[in-house]
N, C-alpha and C. Protein backbone atom coordinates (compact mmCIF):
# COMPACT_ATOMS: atom_id res chain seq x y z
N UNK A 1 -25.35 -22.09 -19.91
CA UNK A 1 -25.32 -21.77 -18.51
C UNK A 1 -24.29 -20.66 -18.28
N UNK A 2 -24.67 -19.63 -17.63
CA UNK A 2 -23.76 -18.52 -17.38
C UNK A 2 -23.16 -18.63 -15.98
N UNK A 3 -21.99 -18.08 -15.85
CA UNK A 3 -21.31 -18.07 -14.56
C UNK A 3 -21.72 -16.82 -13.79
N UNK A 4 -22.19 -16.99 -12.58
CA UNK A 4 -22.56 -15.83 -11.77
C UNK A 4 -21.37 -15.45 -10.90
N UNK A 5 -20.99 -14.19 -10.96
CA UNK A 5 -19.87 -13.69 -10.19
C UNK A 5 -20.40 -13.01 -8.93
N UNK A 6 -19.70 -13.23 -7.83
CA UNK A 6 -20.07 -12.59 -6.58
C UNK A 6 -19.17 -11.38 -6.37
N UNK A 7 -19.79 -10.24 -6.18
CA UNK A 7 -19.02 -9.03 -5.92
C UNK A 7 -18.55 -9.03 -4.47
N UNK A 8 -17.43 -8.42 -4.25
CA UNK A 8 -16.89 -8.25 -2.91
C UNK A 8 -17.37 -6.89 -2.42
N UNK A 9 -17.92 -6.84 -1.22
CA UNK A 9 -18.44 -5.60 -0.66
C UNK A 9 -17.53 -5.17 0.48
N UNK A 10 -16.92 -3.99 0.34
CA UNK A 10 -16.05 -3.43 1.38
C UNK A 10 -16.58 -2.06 1.73
N UNK A 11 -17.12 -1.93 2.91
CA UNK A 11 -17.65 -0.64 3.36
C UNK A 11 -18.78 -0.12 2.49
N UNK A 12 -19.59 -1.00 1.97
CA UNK A 12 -20.72 -0.58 1.14
C UNK A 12 -20.36 -0.33 -0.31
N UNK A 13 -19.10 -0.54 -0.67
CA UNK A 13 -18.65 -0.33 -2.05
C UNK A 13 -18.47 -1.69 -2.71
N UNK A 14 -19.09 -1.86 -3.88
CA UNK A 14 -18.98 -3.11 -4.60
C UNK A 14 -17.66 -3.15 -5.36
N UNK A 15 -16.91 -4.20 -5.17
CA UNK A 15 -15.64 -4.40 -5.86
C UNK A 15 -15.86 -5.51 -6.89
N UNK A 16 -15.47 -5.25 -8.12
CA UNK A 16 -15.64 -6.24 -9.18
C UNK A 16 -14.79 -7.48 -8.89
N UNK A 17 -15.26 -8.65 -9.29
CA UNK A 17 -14.51 -9.88 -9.03
C UNK A 17 -13.12 -9.87 -9.66
N UNK A 18 -12.96 -9.22 -10.78
CA UNK A 18 -11.67 -9.19 -11.46
C UNK A 18 -10.62 -8.48 -10.61
N UNK A 19 -11.03 -7.49 -9.83
CA UNK A 19 -10.10 -6.77 -8.95
C UNK A 19 -9.67 -7.67 -7.81
N UNK A 20 -10.60 -8.43 -7.26
CA UNK A 20 -10.22 -9.35 -6.17
C UNK A 20 -9.32 -10.47 -6.69
N UNK A 21 -9.55 -10.95 -7.92
CA UNK A 21 -8.67 -11.96 -8.50
C UNK A 21 -7.26 -11.40 -8.69
N UNK A 22 -7.17 -10.16 -9.15
CA UNK A 22 -5.87 -9.53 -9.35
C UNK A 22 -5.13 -9.37 -8.03
N UNK A 23 -5.86 -9.00 -6.98
CA UNK A 23 -5.23 -8.83 -5.67
C UNK A 23 -4.76 -10.16 -5.10
N UNK A 24 -5.56 -11.20 -5.26
CA UNK A 24 -5.18 -12.53 -4.77
C UNK A 24 -3.96 -13.05 -5.53
N UNK A 25 -3.95 -12.84 -6.85
CA UNK A 25 -2.81 -13.28 -7.66
C UNK A 25 -1.55 -12.52 -7.27
N UNK A 26 -1.69 -11.23 -6.97
CA UNK A 26 -0.54 -10.43 -6.56
C UNK A 26 0.01 -10.92 -5.23
N UNK A 27 -0.86 -11.18 -4.27
CA UNK A 27 -0.41 -11.69 -2.97
C UNK A 27 0.27 -13.06 -3.12
N UNK A 28 -0.30 -13.93 -3.92
CA UNK A 28 0.30 -15.25 -4.13
C UNK A 28 1.66 -15.12 -4.82
N UNK A 29 1.75 -14.20 -5.78
CA UNK A 29 3.01 -14.02 -6.48
C UNK A 29 4.08 -13.43 -5.56
N UNK A 30 3.69 -12.50 -4.69
CA UNK A 30 4.66 -11.92 -3.76
C UNK A 30 5.15 -12.95 -2.75
N UNK A 31 4.31 -13.90 -2.39
CA UNK A 31 4.75 -14.96 -1.50
C UNK A 31 5.64 -15.97 -2.23
N UNK A 32 5.48 -16.08 -3.54
CA UNK A 32 6.25 -17.01 -4.35
C UNK A 32 7.64 -16.47 -4.72
N UNK A 33 7.81 -15.15 -4.72
CA UNK A 33 9.08 -14.54 -5.14
C UNK A 33 10.31 -15.01 -4.37
N UNK A 34 10.25 -15.15 -3.03
CA UNK A 34 11.45 -15.65 -2.35
C UNK A 34 11.86 -17.06 -2.81
N UNK A 35 10.89 -17.90 -3.09
CA UNK A 35 11.20 -19.23 -3.61
C UNK A 35 11.83 -19.14 -5.00
N UNK A 36 11.33 -18.24 -5.82
CA UNK A 36 11.90 -18.06 -7.16
C UNK A 36 13.34 -17.57 -7.08
N UNK A 37 13.63 -16.67 -6.15
CA UNK A 37 15.01 -16.21 -5.97
C UNK A 37 15.90 -17.34 -5.48
N UNK A 38 15.39 -18.17 -4.59
CA UNK A 38 16.17 -19.27 -4.04
C UNK A 38 16.57 -20.29 -5.11
N UNK A 39 15.64 -20.58 -6.03
CA UNK A 39 15.94 -21.58 -7.06
C UNK A 39 16.67 -20.98 -8.26
N UNK A 40 16.87 -19.68 -8.30
CA UNK A 40 17.61 -19.06 -9.40
C UNK A 40 16.78 -18.81 -10.64
N UNK A 41 15.56 -18.40 -10.46
CA UNK A 41 14.64 -18.15 -11.57
C UNK A 41 15.18 -17.08 -12.52
N UNK A 42 15.86 -16.06 -12.01
CA UNK A 42 16.33 -14.96 -12.84
C UNK A 42 17.47 -15.38 -13.77
N UNK A 43 18.23 -16.40 -13.40
CA UNK A 43 19.33 -16.84 -14.25
C UNK A 43 18.87 -17.62 -15.46
N UNK A 44 17.66 -18.13 -15.43
CA UNK A 44 17.14 -18.95 -16.53
C UNK A 44 16.73 -18.08 -17.72
N UNK A 45 16.27 -16.86 -17.47
CA UNK A 45 15.69 -16.01 -18.50
C UNK A 45 16.59 -14.82 -18.80
N UNK A 46 16.54 -14.36 -20.05
CA UNK A 46 17.32 -13.18 -20.41
C UNK A 46 16.65 -11.90 -19.91
N UNK A 47 15.35 -11.94 -19.71
CA UNK A 47 14.62 -10.80 -19.17
C UNK A 47 13.75 -11.31 -18.01
N UNK A 48 14.33 -11.37 -16.80
CA UNK A 48 13.58 -11.95 -15.68
C UNK A 48 12.34 -11.17 -15.28
N UNK A 49 12.35 -9.86 -15.47
CA UNK A 49 11.16 -9.07 -15.12
C UNK A 49 9.98 -9.45 -16.00
N UNK A 50 10.23 -9.66 -17.27
CA UNK A 50 9.17 -10.07 -18.18
C UNK A 50 8.69 -11.48 -17.85
N UNK A 51 9.59 -12.35 -17.46
CA UNK A 51 9.21 -13.71 -17.08
C UNK A 51 8.34 -13.69 -15.82
N UNK A 52 8.67 -12.82 -14.87
CA UNK A 52 7.86 -12.71 -13.66
C UNK A 52 6.48 -12.15 -13.98
N UNK A 53 6.43 -11.18 -14.90
CA UNK A 53 5.13 -10.64 -15.32
C UNK A 53 4.28 -11.72 -15.97
N UNK A 54 4.89 -12.54 -16.81
CA UNK A 54 4.16 -13.63 -17.45
C UNK A 54 3.65 -14.64 -16.43
N UNK A 55 4.44 -14.90 -15.41
CA UNK A 55 4.01 -15.80 -14.35
C UNK A 55 2.82 -15.22 -13.60
N UNK A 56 2.86 -13.91 -13.31
CA UNK A 56 1.73 -13.26 -12.65
C UNK A 56 0.48 -13.33 -13.52
N UNK A 57 0.61 -13.04 -14.80
CA UNK A 57 -0.54 -13.07 -15.70
C UNK A 57 -1.12 -14.48 -15.79
N UNK A 58 -0.26 -15.49 -15.78
CA UNK A 58 -0.75 -16.87 -15.81
C UNK A 58 -1.51 -17.20 -14.53
N UNK A 59 -0.98 -16.76 -13.39
CA UNK A 59 -1.68 -16.98 -12.12
C UNK A 59 -3.03 -16.27 -12.10
N UNK A 60 -3.04 -15.04 -12.58
CA UNK A 60 -4.27 -14.25 -12.63
C UNK A 60 -5.30 -14.93 -13.55
N UNK A 61 -4.85 -15.39 -14.69
CA UNK A 61 -5.74 -16.06 -15.63
C UNK A 61 -6.34 -17.34 -15.06
N UNK A 62 -5.52 -18.10 -14.35
CA UNK A 62 -6.02 -19.33 -13.74
C UNK A 62 -7.05 -19.03 -12.67
N UNK A 63 -6.82 -17.98 -11.88
CA UNK A 63 -7.82 -17.60 -10.88
C UNK A 63 -9.13 -17.17 -11.54
N UNK A 64 -9.03 -16.35 -12.57
CA UNK A 64 -10.23 -15.88 -13.24
C UNK A 64 -10.98 -17.02 -13.94
N UNK A 65 -10.25 -18.01 -14.40
CA UNK A 65 -10.87 -19.10 -15.11
C UNK A 65 -11.58 -20.09 -14.19
N UNK A 66 -10.96 -20.38 -13.05
CA UNK A 66 -11.48 -21.44 -12.19
C UNK A 66 -12.31 -20.95 -11.00
N UNK A 67 -12.28 -19.65 -10.69
CA UNK A 67 -13.08 -19.18 -9.56
C UNK A 67 -14.11 -18.26 -10.05
């Protein structure tokens, strides 16, 4: 059984589902950043930028996998 993807149509232009997943993950991650700063996420890792990138990629992967 194959998974059928629904394209997003904006102004007559078809947007691939992967682009919409990336945008949703980015918005969710940007809303999560203040919470991460509040709990001290950057102090836990030696390279906080890389840790944030990994968190974004994990969120993106979960969206692509389950939606």
